[in-house]
Amino acid sequence: MNKLLPCAVVILWIPFLLVCGGCAFGNREVMLSPVVADNLPPGAAVRTEVIKVPESEDARGLSPDFIGYVRNGFGIHTADVVASKPVRKWVQDILRENLRAAGYNAVEANGGGDGLVIASTIVKLDCDMYMSYKAAVNLSVSLKQNRQVIFSKSYEGTASAPAFFATPAEYLAVLTTAMRNCVNVMMPELLEQLNKAKSTAVKPAVPEAVPPSTNKSDPF
């Protein structure tokens, strides 16, 4: 009886591996939507300051729309998960939407420039899968004021979940959770630094009032 058990396990696993192998071919495409932090401060009146948010730099060395790996039952990489738009655009949208949710006038910008600019770099962003999903996000964010970096820090977020059918929706759910875990830490700190930058901004000098002269000249 004990000798038959390993054989039975192998026989039961063969259909599973074949199914997983069959469903592992063909790229998956997902529609990425902005992820807003859970713990943003309540937005009061809309702030008048314009915050410029350029597209994120993608330092991953991968295809601009790559976000994950599809593997078969043997762990072999057979296909990719791709986004419907470049990942750097997704990160830009996330930063802009979070700032808007906090009441700021956040706008897209090319290269930043003067004023307040929030720049970002994608160090890592992907979702791997073998028996379970494992997603990881690593973003480096900097706050610039008049082209000078006044705050810079890297933030990470991870997530995992059981793998069932390797569908785009499953990849998206895990990657979204990892991104939310990242922005939940990033946004409160970034907003705090943004408020400090506003409060310490150098105000334009006001000319000193010249006191009236008290000297009286003798009449001729």
Protein backbone atom coordinates (compact mmCIF):
# COMPACT_ATOMS: atom_id res chain seq x y z
CA MET A 1 0.00 0.00 0.00
CA ASN A 2 2.76 2.44 0.94
CA LYS A 3 4.60 1.68 -2.30
CA LEU A 4 1.55 2.64 -4.33
CA LEU A 5 1.14 6.03 -2.65
CA PRO A 6 4.00 7.86 -4.48
CA CYS A 7 2.74 6.53 -7.80
CA ALA A 8 -0.77 7.74 -7.04
CA VAL A 9 0.53 11.21 -6.17
CA VAL A 10 2.46 11.40 -9.45
CA ILE A 11 -0.58 10.26 -11.44
CA LEU A 12 -2.77 12.89 -9.78
CA TRP A 13 -0.21 15.63 -10.43
CA ILE A 14 0.17 14.90 -14.15
CA PRO A 15 -3.18 16.46 -15.19
CA PHE A 16 -2.47 19.47 -12.99
CA LEU A 17 0.93 20.05 -14.60
CA LEU A 18 -0.52 19.64 -18.07
CA VAL A 19 -3.28 22.15 -17.37
CA CYS A 20 -0.83 24.62 -15.87
CA GLY A 21 1.50 24.15 -18.79
CA GLY A 22 -1.29 24.71 -21.27
CA CYS A 23 -2.60 27.87 -19.64
CA ALA A 24 0.87 29.35 -19.22
CA PHE A 25 1.34 30.27 -22.88
CA GLY A 26 0.27 33.64 -24.25
CA ASN A 27 0.90 37.08 -22.77
CA ARG A 28 -1.63 38.57 -20.37
CA GLU A 29 -2.58 42.24 -20.68
CA VAL A 30 -3.93 44.21 -17.72
CA MET A 31 -5.54 47.63 -17.42
CA LEU A 32 -3.73 49.62 -14.73
CA SER A 33 -5.67 52.17 -12.68
CA PRO A 34 -4.33 54.73 -10.18
CA VAL A 35 -3.92 53.48 -6.61
CA VAL A 36 -4.77 55.96 -3.85
CA ALA A 37 -3.36 55.59 -0.32
CA ASP A 38 -5.77 54.53 2.43
CA ASN A 39 -4.50 57.00 5.03
CA LEU A 40 -4.39 60.35 3.24
CA PRO A 41 -5.24 63.38 5.38
CA PRO A 42 -8.73 64.69 4.68
CA GLY A 43 -8.66 67.14 1.81
CA ALA A 44 -9.93 70.53 2.89
CA ALA A 45 -10.07 73.45 0.51
CA VAL A 46 -8.14 72.96 -2.70
CA ARG A 47 -4.62 74.31 -2.34
CA THR A 48 -3.54 76.82 -4.94
CA GLU A 49 0.10 75.67 -5.24
CA VAL A 50 0.87 73.86 -8.49
CA ILE A 51 2.78 70.60 -7.98
CA LYS A 52 4.49 69.36 -11.13
CA VAL A 53 4.66 65.58 -11.62
CA PRO A 54 6.78 64.39 -14.57
CA GLU A 55 6.69 60.83 -15.90
CA SER A 56 8.60 58.38 -13.74
CA GLU A 57 12.02 57.14 -14.83
CA ASP A 58 12.04 53.37 -15.42
CA ALA A 59 15.35 51.90 -14.22
CA ARG A 60 14.30 48.25 -14.43
CA GLY A 61 15.97 47.57 -17.77
CA LEU A 62 12.84 45.79 -18.99
CA SER A 63 10.17 46.50 -21.57
CA PRO A 64 8.27 49.68 -20.59
CA ASP A 65 4.98 47.80 -20.27
CA PHE A 66 6.31 44.64 -18.54
CA ILE A 67 4.80 43.87 -15.13
CA GLY A 68 4.99 40.11 -14.55
CA TYR A 69 5.98 36.54 -15.39
CA VAL A 70 3.76 33.64 -16.37
CA ARG A 71 5.18 30.20 -15.50
CA ASN A 72 3.95 26.70 -16.15
CA GLY A 73 3.65 23.89 -13.62
CA PHE A 74 7.39 23.23 -13.89
CA GLY A 75 8.32 26.84 -13.05
CA ILE A 76 9.44 27.65 -16.60
CA HIS A 77 8.87 31.23 -17.77
CA THR A 78 6.53 30.84 -20.74
CA ALA A 79 4.87 34.24 -21.17
CA ASP A 80 4.73 37.79 -19.83
CA VAL A 81 2.16 39.99 -18.16
CA VAL A 82 2.07 43.40 -19.81
CA ALA A 83 0.26 46.64 -19.09
CA SER A 84 -1.95 48.53 -21.49
CA LYS A 85 0.31 51.57 -21.03
CA PRO A 86 3.93 52.16 -19.97
CA VAL A 87 4.51 51.49 -16.27
CA ARG A 88 6.21 54.90 -15.86
CA LYS A 89 2.91 56.52 -16.85
CA TRP A 90 1.07 54.45 -14.24
CA VAL A 91 3.39 55.70 -11.48
CA GLN A 92 2.98 59.29 -12.68
CA ASP A 93 -0.83 58.91 -12.54
CA ILE A 94 -0.63 57.41 -9.05
CA LEU A 95 1.41 60.33 -7.69
CA ARG A 96 -0.82 62.89 -9.35
CA GLU A 97 -4.07 61.30 -8.16
CA ASN A 98 -2.81 60.97 -4.58
CA LEU A 99 -1.79 64.63 -4.51
CA ARG A 100 -5.15 65.66 -5.92
CA ALA A 101 -6.93 63.54 -3.32
CA ALA A 102 -4.99 65.47 -0.65
CA GLY A 103 -6.17 68.76 -2.16
CA TYR A 104 -3.18 69.77 -4.26
CA ASN A 105 -3.25 71.07 -7.81
CA ALA A 106 -1.03 68.36 -9.30
CA VAL A 107 -0.32 68.58 -13.03
CA GLU A 108 1.68 66.60 -15.56
CA ALA A 109 5.02 68.13 -16.49
CA ASN A 110 7.89 67.42 -18.86
CA GLY A 111 11.14 67.47 -16.92
CA GLY A 112 9.86 69.54 -14.02
CA GLY A 113 11.54 72.94 -13.94
CA ASP A 114 11.06 75.67 -11.36
CA GLY A 115 8.56 75.52 -8.52
CA LEU A 116 7.63 72.35 -6.65
CA VAL A 117 8.32 69.11 -8.54
CA ILE A 118 7.86 65.50 -7.43
CA ALA A 119 10.08 63.16 -9.47
CA SER A 120 10.21 59.39 -9.22
CA THR A 121 12.21 56.39 -10.41
CA ILE A 122 10.94 52.81 -10.73
CA VAL A 123 13.63 50.59 -9.21
CA LYS A 124 11.51 47.41 -9.15
CA LEU A 125 7.95 46.66 -10.14
CA ASP A 126 6.79 43.16 -11.10
CA CYS A 127 4.68 40.17 -10.15
CA ASP A 128 6.15 36.68 -10.41
CA MET A 129 4.14 33.49 -10.22
CA TYR A 130 4.94 29.88 -9.41
CA MET A 131 2.27 28.14 -7.31
CA SER A 132 1.65 31.57 -5.75
CA TYR A 133 1.91 35.22 -6.74
CA LYS A 134 4.66 37.44 -5.34
CA ALA A 135 4.54 41.13 -6.26
CA ALA A 136 7.13 43.75 -5.35
CA VAL A 137 7.29 47.52 -5.86
CA ASN A 138 10.28 49.78 -5.14
CA LEU A 139 9.97 53.49 -5.95
CA SER A 140 12.51 56.23 -5.38
CA VAL A 141 10.82 59.61 -4.92
CA SER A 142 12.31 63.09 -4.63
CA LEU A 143 10.80 66.48 -3.93
CA LYS A 144 12.43 69.41 -5.71
CA GLN A 145 11.97 73.10 -5.09
CA ASN A 146 13.29 75.42 -7.81
CA ARG A 147 15.45 72.56 -9.18
CA GLN A 148 17.00 71.78 -5.77
CA VAL A 149 16.33 68.36 -4.19
CA ILE A 150 15.01 68.96 -0.68
CA PHE A 151 13.78 65.41 0.07
CA SER A 152 14.56 61.99 -1.37
CA LYS A 153 13.65 58.49 -0.19
CA SER A 154 12.91 54.98 -1.51
CA TYR A 155 9.72 53.11 -0.66
CA GLU A 156 8.82 49.43 -0.99
CA GLY A 157 5.63 47.42 -1.05
CA THR A 158 5.10 43.67 -1.36
CA ALA A 159 2.15 41.29 -1.58
CA SER A 160 1.45 37.62 -2.19
CA ALA A 161 -1.55 35.40 -2.91
CA PRO A 162 -2.30 31.83 -4.00
CA ALA A 163 -2.21 31.23 -7.77
CA PHE A 164 -5.22 29.60 -9.37
CA PHE A 165 -5.74 30.38 -13.05
CA ALA A 166 -2.97 32.91 -13.89
CA THR A 167 -5.55 35.38 -15.18
CA PRO A 168 -4.84 39.09 -15.75
CA ALA A 169 -7.24 39.93 -12.91
CA GLU A 170 -5.25 37.82 -10.43
CA TYR A 171 -1.96 39.47 -11.41
CA LEU A 172 -3.55 42.92 -11.22
CA ALA A 173 -5.02 42.29 -7.76
CA VAL A 174 -1.69 41.26 -6.23
CA LEU A 175 0.32 44.01 -7.92
CA THR A 176 -2.26 46.62 -6.88
CA THR A 177 -1.98 45.45 -3.26
CA ALA A 178 1.82 45.77 -3.39
CA MET A 179 1.51 49.29 -4.85
CA ARG A 180 -1.03 50.29 -2.20
CA ASN A 181 1.29 49.04 0.55
CA CYS A 182 3.99 51.23 -0.98
CA VAL A 183 1.94 54.43 -1.30
CA ASN A 184 0.39 53.96 2.17
CA VAL A 185 3.86 54.64 3.62
CA MET A 186 5.10 57.03 0.93
CA MET A 187 2.28 59.56 0.66
CA PRO A 188 1.98 60.69 4.32
CA GLU A 189 5.74 61.31 4.45
CA LEU A 190 5.77 63.03 1.07
CA LEU A 191 2.87 65.30 2.04
CA GLU A 192 4.63 66.19 5.30
CA GLN A 193 7.75 67.21 3.38
CA LEU A 194 5.63 69.12 0.89
CA ASN A 195 4.01 71.12 3.68
CA LYS A 196 7.44 71.90 5.12
CA ALA A 197 8.63 73.10 1.73
CA LYS A 198 5.67 75.45 1.52
CA SER A 199 6.13 76.85 5.01
CA THR A 200 9.87 77.48 4.57
CA ALA A 201 9.64 78.93 1.08
CA VAL A 202 11.50 82.21 0.75
CA LYS A 203 9.06 85.04 0.32
CA PRO A 204 9.90 87.89 -2.03
CA ALA A 205 11.59 90.79 -0.29
CA VAL A 206 9.39 93.77 0.49
CA PRO A 207 11.06 97.17 0.12
CA GLU A 208 11.44 98.89 3.45
CA ALA A 209 9.36 101.99 3.86
CA VAL A 210 11.44 105.17 3.95
CA PRO A 211 10.48 107.23 7.01
CA PRO A 212 9.60 110.84 6.30
CA SER A 213 12.42 113.30 6.84
CA THR A 214 12.30 115.30 10.06
CA ASN A 215 14.97 117.80 9.01
CA LYS A 216 13.66 121.27 8.42
CA SER A 217 15.67 123.71 6.40
CA ASP A 218 15.83 127.41 7.37
CA PRO A 219 13.75 129.66 5.15
CA PHE A 220 15.66 132.06 2.90
